[in-house]
Amino acid sequence: MHRSRSSSLANKSIDVNQLCVCYFTIKKFPTNDDRCCMQSVPVYLSEMAPARLRGMLNIGFQLMITIGILAAELINYGTNKIKAGYGWRVSLALAAVPAGIITLGSLFLPDTPNSLLERGHADEARRMLRRIRGTEDIGEEYADLVAASEEARQVRHPWRNIVKRRYRAQLTMAIMIPFFQQLTGINVIMFYAPVLFETLGFKGDASLMSSVITGLVNVFATVVSIFTVDRLGRRALFLQGGAQMIICQVVVGSLIAAKFGTSGIGEMPKGYAAVVVLFICVYVAGFAWSWGPLGWLVPSEIFPLEIRPAGQSINVSVNMFFTFCIAQAFLTMLCHFKFGLFYFFGGWVVIMTIFIALFLPETKNVPIEEMVLVWKSHWFWKKFIADEDAHVGNGAAALGNIDERAWRILTQIGVGIFRVWINTW
């Protein structure tokens, strides 16, 4: 009984270490204010990065999180071997180290040009923009930043403005993307991997090692996303990752159903269990190069400056709220749904993938200050944006000729792929 309690506490401490260790590694990419890392880091990176590299640099944030998760899993695997039963205390105490480093490191971070302009430091903003772009040719981008800053100064109530019709697309994405991200079921794997694998037949250290394996997959798949997001685009990764996760969840649910049935009682041979773990790893990989990093990247790059704080706050709040809900409900759902739990999350992935195919335009290589032109060119969202609201600085002229037919073709292709897939199943 003593060993069971200490092991349980060690497993629960994964969450604490996961947060603290990942925040330490996040600090390899800085933030510019005293808000929560999950709130400020994606926006900070999106404001600092050039448009052509924004996806890659922003997903570095997610990569650091995955490395932190892996580190936490390795710590728990090691401390679980302490026979005296106090391993969970060591695991928990080690989280104080990265927390201290975060506090000190945050004192040395520069401000973004957007932040400097908002506070009236135009010369410093221009110098910072030259510094981070590595060139003197910043005239067009600086003009866009100034135009966005001037418009933002006219908005005194961003929370009131974000519900206006012209921001309907951004508000919808700020709510639906983090909501859907949690309903992929990924936190079921990351929070309760040891419990889940022990249920499948792995025992003791083997269940913890299985979670370490999924952590490694998470890291390497995120690296794939870093090198593809600015080439293939956000939509392509969303759609491919969604299809991959759907297939894996159906397969895993079916494999578990074949052995445990509706009673939940049965045994799983090691070879059979290894196949289940394999498909779970493929599922984790699909998430790690799609909904994992893009769930933070896309919301951080779509908000105009005047509603950016409110928009990102909504994004993080929705994400954390449904993280809490899923974490609290998982064990009860597992007991009642059994193998059906994977079908439940798979159904949600079908819905969210169709949502992306229909309603999310491509945002790669588009400067943040010019993102309004992307929404104005979208087949659905254009009706919410008046012509007089679709204006940016002088540097946006090149985006004025976005072909609406291209968005329609991409949407039709995405919908067609999922119709074929659904009919096949």
Protein backbone atom coordinates (compact mmCIF):
# COMPACT_ATOMS: atom_id res chain seq x y z
CA MET A 1 0.00 0.00 0.00
CA HIS A 2 2.86 2.37 0.82
CA ARG A 3 4.52 1.75 -2.54
CA SER A 4 1.21 2.30 -4.33
CA ARG A 5 0.69 5.67 -2.68
CA SER A 6 4.20 6.92 -3.34
CA SER A 7 4.00 5.78 -6.95
CA SER A 8 0.67 7.55 -7.35
CA LEU A 9 2.09 10.75 -5.93
CA ALA A 10 5.11 10.47 -8.17
CA ASN A 11 2.82 10.14 -11.16
CA LYS A 12 0.79 13.16 -10.08
CA SER A 13 3.97 15.22 -9.68
CA ILE A 14 4.49 14.85 -13.42
CA ASP A 15 2.10 17.74 -13.89
CA VAL A 16 3.97 20.09 -11.56
CA ASN A 17 7.38 19.24 -12.98
CA GLN A 18 5.96 19.37 -16.47
CA LEU A 19 4.94 22.97 -15.97
CA CYS A 20 8.05 24.12 -14.16
CA VAL A 21 10.64 22.32 -16.26
CA CYS A 22 8.99 23.35 -19.51
CA TYR A 23 8.93 26.97 -18.37
CA PHE A 24 12.68 26.73 -17.76
CA THR A 25 13.28 25.47 -21.27
CA ILE A 26 10.80 27.97 -22.67
CA LYS A 27 13.16 30.66 -21.47
CA LYS A 28 15.53 29.81 -24.26
CA PHE A 29 12.95 31.93 -26.11
CA PRO A 30 12.13 34.98 -23.99
CA THR A 31 9.04 36.89 -23.00
CA ASN A 32 8.72 40.60 -22.43
CA ASP A 33 6.39 41.03 -19.49
CA ASP A 34 5.35 39.53 -16.21
CA ARG A 35 2.33 37.59 -17.46
CA CYS A 36 2.14 33.83 -17.58
CA CYS A 37 4.50 32.20 -20.08
CA MET A 38 1.66 30.50 -21.87
CA GLN A 39 0.04 33.91 -22.34
CA SER A 40 3.01 35.95 -23.46
CA VAL A 41 5.64 33.74 -25.11
CA PRO A 42 3.70 32.94 -28.34
CA VAL A 43 2.75 36.59 -28.84
CA TYR A 44 6.29 37.76 -28.03
CA LEU A 45 7.80 35.39 -30.57
CA SER A 46 5.24 36.29 -33.24
CA GLU A 47 5.97 39.99 -32.79
CA MET A 48 9.76 39.53 -32.85
CA ALA A 49 10.03 37.03 -35.72
CA PRO A 50 10.09 37.99 -39.42
CA ALA A 51 6.99 36.74 -41.24
CA ARG A 52 8.87 34.13 -43.27
CA LEU A 53 10.29 32.50 -40.10
CA ARG A 54 7.48 33.19 -37.65
CA GLY A 55 6.14 29.65 -37.65
CA MET A 56 9.53 28.02 -37.09
CA LEU A 57 10.59 30.35 -34.28
CA ASN A 58 7.21 30.25 -32.57
CA ILE A 59 7.10 26.45 -32.59
CA GLY A 60 10.44 26.57 -30.80
CA PHE A 61 8.23 27.45 -27.82
CA GLN A 62 6.36 24.16 -28.20
CA LEU A 63 9.63 22.28 -28.67
CA MET A 64 10.89 23.58 -25.35
CA ILE A 65 7.62 22.46 -23.72
CA THR A 66 8.02 18.96 -25.13
CA ILE A 67 11.62 18.80 -23.91
CA GLY A 68 10.38 19.91 -20.49
CA ILE A 69 7.70 17.21 -20.52
CA LEU A 70 10.32 14.60 -21.43
CA ALA A 71 12.62 15.85 -18.67
CA ALA A 72 9.78 15.58 -16.15
CA GLU A 73 9.03 12.03 -17.27
CA LEU A 74 12.69 11.05 -16.95
CA ILE A 75 12.82 12.60 -13.47
CA ASN A 76 9.77 10.65 -12.40
CA TYR A 77 11.16 7.45 -13.88
CA GLY A 78 14.36 7.92 -11.89
CA THR A 79 12.83 8.98 -8.59
CA ASN A 80 10.33 6.13 -8.75
CA LYS A 81 13.28 3.77 -8.15
CA ILE A 82 14.03 5.29 -4.73
CA LYS A 83 13.04 2.45 -2.42
CA ALA A 84 12.54 4.58 0.67
CA GLY A 85 9.33 5.99 -0.82
CA TYR A 86 10.29 9.67 -0.83
CA GLY A 87 11.00 9.85 -4.58
CA TRP A 88 7.97 12.05 -5.21
CA ARG A 89 9.43 14.63 -2.80
CA VAL A 90 12.67 14.76 -4.77
CA SER A 91 10.75 15.02 -8.01
CA LEU A 92 8.67 17.89 -6.67
CA ALA A 93 11.64 19.73 -5.11
CA LEU A 94 13.64 19.69 -8.35
CA ALA A 95 10.98 21.88 -9.92
CA ALA A 96 12.23 24.80 -7.82
CA VAL A 97 15.49 24.93 -9.79
CA PRO A 98 14.05 25.92 -13.18
CA ALA A 99 11.53 28.19 -11.46
CA GLY A 100 14.39 30.19 -9.97
CA ILE A 101 16.18 30.39 -13.30
CA ILE A 102 13.02 31.69 -14.94
CA THR A 103 12.72 34.48 -12.41
CA LEU A 104 16.30 35.66 -12.96
CA GLY A 105 16.27 35.21 -16.73
CA SER A 106 13.13 37.28 -17.23
CA LEU A 107 14.97 40.37 -15.97
CA PHE A 108 17.19 40.53 -19.07
CA LEU A 109 14.63 40.38 -21.86
CA PRO A 110 14.19 43.15 -24.49
CA ASP A 111 10.84 44.59 -25.52
CA THR A 112 9.28 44.04 -28.93
CA PRO A 113 9.04 46.95 -31.39
CA ASN A 114 5.24 46.76 -31.07
CA SER A 115 5.43 47.17 -27.31
CA LEU A 116 7.88 50.07 -27.56
CA LEU A 117 5.67 51.89 -30.06
CA GLU A 118 2.58 51.40 -27.92
CA ARG A 119 4.39 53.09 -25.03
CA GLY A 120 5.60 56.00 -27.15
CA HIS A 121 9.26 55.00 -27.66
CA ALA A 122 9.40 55.37 -31.44
CA ASP A 123 13.19 55.72 -31.74
CA GLU A 124 13.83 52.69 -29.56
CA ALA A 125 11.27 50.71 -31.57
CA ARG A 126 13.06 51.57 -34.82
CA ARG A 127 16.44 50.58 -33.35
CA MET A 128 15.02 47.30 -32.02
CA LEU A 129 13.47 46.50 -35.40
CA ARG A 130 16.81 47.09 -37.14
CA ARG A 131 18.52 44.91 -34.56
CA ILE A 132 16.22 41.91 -34.83
CA ARG A 133 15.93 42.10 -38.64
CA GLY A 134 19.66 42.65 -39.17
CA THR A 135 19.12 45.26 -41.87
CA GLU A 136 18.55 48.98 -42.35
CA ASP A 137 15.75 48.33 -44.84
CA ILE A 138 12.84 48.31 -42.40
CA GLY A 139 10.81 51.20 -43.80
CA GLU A 140 7.73 49.28 -44.96
CA GLU A 141 7.53 47.03 -41.90
CA TYR A 142 8.03 49.97 -39.56
CA ALA A 143 5.23 51.88 -41.35
CA ASP A 144 2.90 48.92 -40.77
CA LEU A 145 3.83 48.84 -37.08
CA VAL A 146 3.22 52.57 -36.70
CA ALA A 147 -0.17 52.32 -38.43
CA ALA A 148 -1.17 49.41 -36.18
CA SER A 149 0.02 51.27 -33.09
CA GLU A 150 -1.93 54.41 -33.99
CA GLU A 151 -5.09 52.40 -34.50
CA ALA A 152 -4.52 50.54 -31.23
CA ARG A 153 -4.25 53.85 -29.32
CA GLN A 154 -7.79 54.69 -30.36
CA VAL A 155 -9.10 51.56 -28.67
CA ARG A 156 -9.51 52.03 -24.94
CA HIS A 157 -11.54 48.89 -24.26
CA PRO A 158 -10.06 45.88 -26.11
CA TRP A 159 -12.44 43.52 -24.31
CA ARG A 160 -15.39 45.50 -25.61
CA ASN A 161 -13.93 45.78 -29.10
CA ILE A 162 -13.12 42.11 -29.55
CA VAL A 163 -16.81 41.21 -29.63
CA LYS A 164 -17.45 43.60 -32.53
CA ARG A 165 -18.46 42.12 -35.87
CA ARG A 166 -15.16 43.00 -37.59
CA TYR A 167 -13.25 40.75 -35.16
CA ARG A 168 -15.66 37.81 -35.36
CA ALA A 169 -13.12 35.58 -37.12
CA GLN A 170 -10.35 36.19 -34.60
CA LEU A 171 -12.69 35.73 -31.63
CA THR A 172 -13.99 32.47 -33.07
CA MET A 173 -10.46 31.12 -33.51
CA ALA A 174 -9.43 32.30 -30.03
CA ILE A 175 -12.19 30.14 -28.56
CA MET A 176 -12.45 27.17 -30.92
CA ILE A 177 -8.76 26.38 -31.50
CA PRO A 178 -7.83 25.91 -27.80
CA PHE A 179 -11.16 24.16 -27.19
CA PHE A 180 -10.50 21.71 -29.99
CA GLN A 181 -6.85 21.32 -28.97
CA GLN A 182 -7.88 19.82 -25.65
CA LEU A 183 -10.52 17.60 -27.24
CA THR A 184 -7.88 15.89 -29.38
CA GLY A 185 -7.38 13.82 -26.23
CA ILE A 186 -3.65 14.55 -26.01
CA ASN A 187 -3.76 15.44 -22.33
CA VAL A 188 -5.27 12.03 -21.64
CA ILE A 189 -1.99 10.59 -22.89
CA MET A 190 0.37 13.17 -21.37
CA PHE A 191 -1.28 13.44 -17.94
CA TYR A 192 -2.13 9.81 -17.39
CA ALA A 193 0.28 7.88 -19.62
CA PRO A 194 1.62 5.74 -16.74
CA VAL A 195 -1.91 4.88 -15.57
CA LEU A 196 -3.07 4.21 -19.12
CA PHE A 197 -0.13 1.98 -19.98
CA GLU A 198 -0.45 0.10 -16.71
CA THR A 199 -4.09 -0.53 -17.60
CA LEU A 200 -2.92 -1.96 -20.93
CA GLY A 201 -0.70 -4.47 -19.18
CA PHE A 202 2.56 -2.67 -18.52
CA LYS A 203 3.65 -2.85 -14.89
CA GLY A 204 5.57 -0.56 -12.56
CA ASP A 205 8.61 0.96 -14.23
CA ALA A 206 7.46 -0.29 -17.64
CA SER A 207 4.46 2.02 -17.59
CA LEU A 208 6.67 5.01 -16.75
CA MET A 209 9.13 4.01 -19.47
CA SER A 210 6.28 3.86 -21.97
CA SER A 211 5.42 7.48 -21.12
CA VAL A 212 9.09 8.36 -21.65
CA ILE A 213 8.86 6.81 -25.12
CA THR A 214 5.83 8.93 -26.01
CA GLY A 215 7.73 11.95 -24.69
CA LEU A 216 10.60 11.24 -27.08
CA VAL A 217 8.17 10.91 -29.97
CA ASN A 218 6.63 14.23 -28.94
CA VAL A 219 10.01 15.97 -29.10
CA PHE A 220 11.11 14.59 -32.47
CA ALA A 221 7.72 15.17 -34.10
CA THR A 222 7.78 18.79 -32.94
CA VAL A 223 11.14 19.19 -34.69
CA VAL A 224 9.43 18.00 -37.88
CA SER A 225 6.86 20.77 -37.46
CA ILE A 226 9.59 23.39 -37.03
CA PHE A 227 11.08 22.58 -40.43
CA THR A 228 7.77 22.25 -42.31
CA VAL A 229 5.38 24.86 -40.91
CA ASP A 230 6.73 27.76 -43.01
CA ARG A 231 7.03 25.59 -46.13
CA LEU A 232 3.85 23.54 -46.14
CA GLY A 233 1.74 26.04 -44.20
CA ARG A 234 -0.52 25.83 -41.16
CA ARG A 235 -3.53 24.33 -42.91
CA ALA A 236 -1.60 21.42 -44.44
CA LEU A 237 -0.22 20.38 -41.05
CA PHE A 238 -3.61 20.78 -39.36
CA LEU A 239 -5.34 18.60 -41.98
CA GLN A 240 -2.65 15.92 -42.19
CA GLY A 241 -2.22 15.71 -38.42
CA GLY A 242 -5.97 15.51 -37.92
CA ALA A 243 -6.34 12.62 -40.38
CA GLN A 244 -3.44 10.79 -38.73
CA MET A 245 -4.91 11.18 -35.24
CA ILE A 246 -8.36 10.01 -36.37
CA ILE A 247 -6.96 6.81 -37.85
CA CYS A 248 -4.82 6.08 -34.78
CA GLN A 249 -7.66 6.64 -32.33
CA VAL A 250 -9.97 4.32 -34.26
CA VAL A 251 -7.26 1.65 -34.43
CA VAL A 252 -6.32 1.91 -30.74
CA GLY A 253 -9.96 1.87 -29.65
CA SER A 254 -10.62 -1.19 -31.80
CA LEU A 255 -7.55 -3.05 -30.51
CA ILE A 256 -8.52 -2.40 -26.90
CA ALA A 257 -12.14 -3.37 -27.60
CA ALA A 258 -11.03 -6.70 -29.07
CA LYS A 259 -9.17 -7.66 -25.89
CA PHE A 260 -11.12 -6.00 -23.08
CA GLY A 261 -14.61 -5.66 -24.54
CA THR A 262 -17.30 -3.73 -22.70
CA SER A 263 -16.46 -5.44 -19.40
CA GLY A 264 -13.01 -3.90 -19.28
CA ILE A 265 -11.62 -7.21 -18.07
CA GLY A 266 -8.98 -9.12 -19.98
CA GLU A 267 -5.30 -9.59 -20.61
CA MET A 268 -3.14 -8.12 -23.32
CA PRO A 269 -0.08 -10.05 -24.57
CA LYS A 270 3.14 -8.08 -24.72
CA GLY A 271 3.27 -8.13 -28.51
CA TYR A 272 -0.32 -6.94 -28.75
CA ALA A 273 0.34 -4.19 -26.20
CA ALA A 274 3.40 -3.11 -28.16
CA VAL A 275 1.19 -2.56 -31.23
CA VAL A 276 -1.14 -0.40 -29.12
CA VAL A 277 1.81 1.67 -27.90
CA LEU A 278 3.04 2.01 -31.49
CA PHE A 279 -0.25 3.51 -32.66
CA ILE A 280 -0.38 5.77 -29.60
CA CYS A 281 3.09 7.02 -30.55
CA VAL A 282 1.93 7.66 -34.14
CA TYR A 283 -1.03 9.55 -32.67
CA VAL A 284 1.30 11.64 -30.46
CA ALA A 285 3.46 12.39 -33.50
CA GLY A 286 0.41 13.57 -35.46
CA PHE A 287 -0.54 15.90 -32.62
CA ALA A 288 3.03 17.13 -32.10
CA TRP A 289 3.41 18.45 -35.63
CA SER A 290 -0.12 19.82 -35.95
CA TRP A 291 -2.50 20.74 -33.13
CA GLY A 292 0.23 20.87 -30.48
CA PRO A 293 2.34 23.75 -31.81
CA LEU A 294 -0.25 25.27 -34.16
CA GLY A 295 -2.76 25.57 -31.33
CA TRP A 296 -0.45 28.24 -29.92
CA LEU A 297 1.06 29.61 -33.12
CA VAL A 298 -2.11 30.48 -35.05
CA PRO A 299 -3.92 32.40 -32.25
CA SER A 300 -0.73 34.36 -31.54
CA GLU A 301 -0.43 35.65 -35.11
CA ILE A 302 -4.03 36.51 -36.07
CA PHE A 303 -4.93 39.34 -33.67
CA PRO A 304 -4.45 42.99 -34.63
CA LEU A 305 -2.56 45.01 -32.05
CA GLU A 306 -5.64 46.77 -30.65
CA ILE A 307 -7.21 43.50 -29.41
CA ARG A 308 -4.11 41.32 -29.05
CA PRO A 309 -3.98 41.27 -25.23
CA ALA A 310 -7.67 40.41 -24.93
CA GLY A 311 -7.51 37.83 -27.71
CA GLN A 312 -4.52 35.99 -26.31
CA SER A 313 -6.02 36.08 -22.82
CA ILE A 314 -9.16 34.39 -24.13
CA ASN A 315 -7.05 31.82 -25.97
CA VAL A 316 -5.05 30.87 -22.88
CA SER A 317 -8.07 30.92 -20.56
CA VAL A 318 -10.08 28.59 -22.77
CA ASN A 319 -7.09 26.28 -23.11
CA MET A 320 -6.43 26.09 -19.38
CA PHE A 321 -10.12 25.68 -18.53
CA PHE A 322 -10.60 22.69 -20.82
CA THR A 323 -7.26 21.24 -19.76
CA PHE A 324 -8.65 21.23 -16.23
CA CYS A 325 -11.98 19.75 -17.36
CA ILE A 326 -10.40 16.92 -19.33
CA ALA A 327 -7.93 16.12 -16.55
CA GLN A 328 -10.70 15.91 -13.97
CA ALA A 329 -13.08 13.92 -16.14
CA PHE A 330 -10.65 11.45 -17.71
CA LEU A 331 -10.65 8.68 -15.11
CA THR A 332 -14.44 8.72 -14.84
CA MET A 333 -14.76 8.69 -18.63
CA LEU A 334 -12.27 5.82 -18.87
CA CYS A 335 -14.27 3.75 -16.39
CA HIS A 336 -17.57 4.36 -18.21
CA PHE A 337 -16.51 4.62 -21.86
CA LYS A 338 -13.63 2.12 -21.75
CA PHE A 339 -12.40 1.65 -25.34
CA GLY A 340 -15.13 4.04 -26.48
CA LEU A 341 -13.08 6.90 -25.04
CA PHE A 342 -10.81 6.77 -28.08
CA TYR A 343 -13.83 6.86 -30.40
CA PHE A 344 -15.15 9.83 -28.42
CA PHE A 345 -12.00 11.88 -28.98
CA GLY A 346 -11.70 10.59 -32.54
CA GLY A 347 -15.15 11.98 -33.30
CA TRP A 348 -14.08 15.38 -32.02
CA VAL A 349 -10.95 15.28 -34.20
CA VAL A 350 -13.17 14.70 -37.25
CA ILE A 351 -15.21 17.80 -36.33
CA MET A 352 -12.18 20.01 -35.68
CA THR A 353 -10.44 18.93 -38.88
CA ILE A 354 -13.49 19.84 -40.95
CA PHE A 355 -13.65 23.15 -39.07
CA ILE A 356 -10.05 23.93 -40.06
CA ALA A 357 -10.68 22.91 -43.68
CA LEU A 358 -13.64 25.27 -43.94
CA PHE A 359 -12.87 28.27 -41.76
CA LEU A 360 -9.13 28.75 -41.21
CA PRO A 361 -7.25 30.58 -44.01
CA GLU A 362 -3.53 30.11 -44.56
CA THR A 363 -1.45 32.55 -42.51
CA LYS A 364 2.13 31.57 -43.38
CA ASN A 365 4.49 34.36 -44.51
CA VAL A 366 1.88 37.06 -43.79
CA PRO A 367 3.00 39.93 -41.51
CA ILE A 368 0.81 40.19 -38.41
CA GLU A 369 -0.15 43.77 -39.16
CA GLU A 370 -1.47 42.70 -42.59
CA MET A 371 -3.45 39.67 -41.42
CA VAL A 372 -6.76 41.53 -41.84
CA LEU A 373 -6.36 41.18 -45.61
CA VAL A 374 -6.28 37.39 -45.24
CA TRP A 375 -9.60 37.40 -43.39
CA LYS A 376 -11.06 39.85 -45.89
CA SER A 377 -10.16 37.44 -48.71
CA HIS A 378 -11.69 34.36 -47.03
CA TRP A 379 -14.93 33.05 -48.53
CA PHE A 380 -16.79 33.06 -45.19
CA TRP A 381 -15.19 35.70 -42.96
CA LYS A 382 -15.13 38.48 -45.59
CA LYS A 383 -18.80 39.26 -44.93
CA PHE A 384 -17.94 40.33 -41.36
CA ILE A 385 -15.29 42.86 -42.43
CA ALA A 386 -16.29 46.14 -44.06
CA ASP A 387 -14.08 47.53 -46.82
CA GLU A 388 -13.07 50.51 -44.67
CA ASP A 389 -11.86 48.13 -41.94
CA ALA A 390 -9.50 46.27 -44.29
CA HIS A 391 -6.65 48.77 -44.18
CA VAL A 392 -3.03 48.56 -43.02
CA GLY A 393 0.21 50.44 -43.52
CA ASN A 394 1.97 51.07 -46.83
CA GLY A 395 3.79 47.78 -46.71
CA ALA A 396 0.63 45.81 -47.33
CA ALA A 397 0.19 46.59 -51.00
CA ALA A 398 1.64 43.26 -52.07
CA LEU A 399 -1.14 41.38 -50.31
CA GLY A 400 -3.93 43.30 -51.94
CA ASN A 401 -4.19 40.83 -54.82
CA ILE A 402 -4.83 37.66 -52.84
CA ASP A 403 -6.97 35.49 -55.08
CA GLU A 404 -10.19 34.45 -53.41
CA ARG A 405 -10.52 31.52 -55.79
CA ALA A 406 -7.37 29.99 -54.27
CA TRP A 407 -9.07 29.81 -50.87
CA ARG A 408 -12.13 28.19 -52.40
CA ILE A 409 -10.01 25.58 -54.17
CA LEU A 410 -8.09 24.75 -50.98
CA THR A 411 -11.33 24.46 -49.04
CA GLN A 412 -12.89 22.18 -51.63
CA ILE A 413 -9.82 19.95 -51.63
CA GLY A 414 -9.86 19.68 -47.84
CA VAL A 415 -13.57 18.87 -47.70
CA GLY A 416 -13.20 16.36 -50.54
CA ILE A 417 -10.41 14.51 -48.74
CA PHE A 418 -12.50 14.09 -45.59
CA ARG A 419 -15.58 13.00 -47.51
CA VAL A 420 -13.52 10.24 -49.14
CA TRP A 421 -12.06 9.25 -45.78
CA ILE A 422 -15.46 9.16 -44.04
CA ASN A 423 -17.02 7.14 -46.85
CA THR A 424 -14.10 4.69 -46.71
CA TRP A 425 -14.62 4.08 -43.00
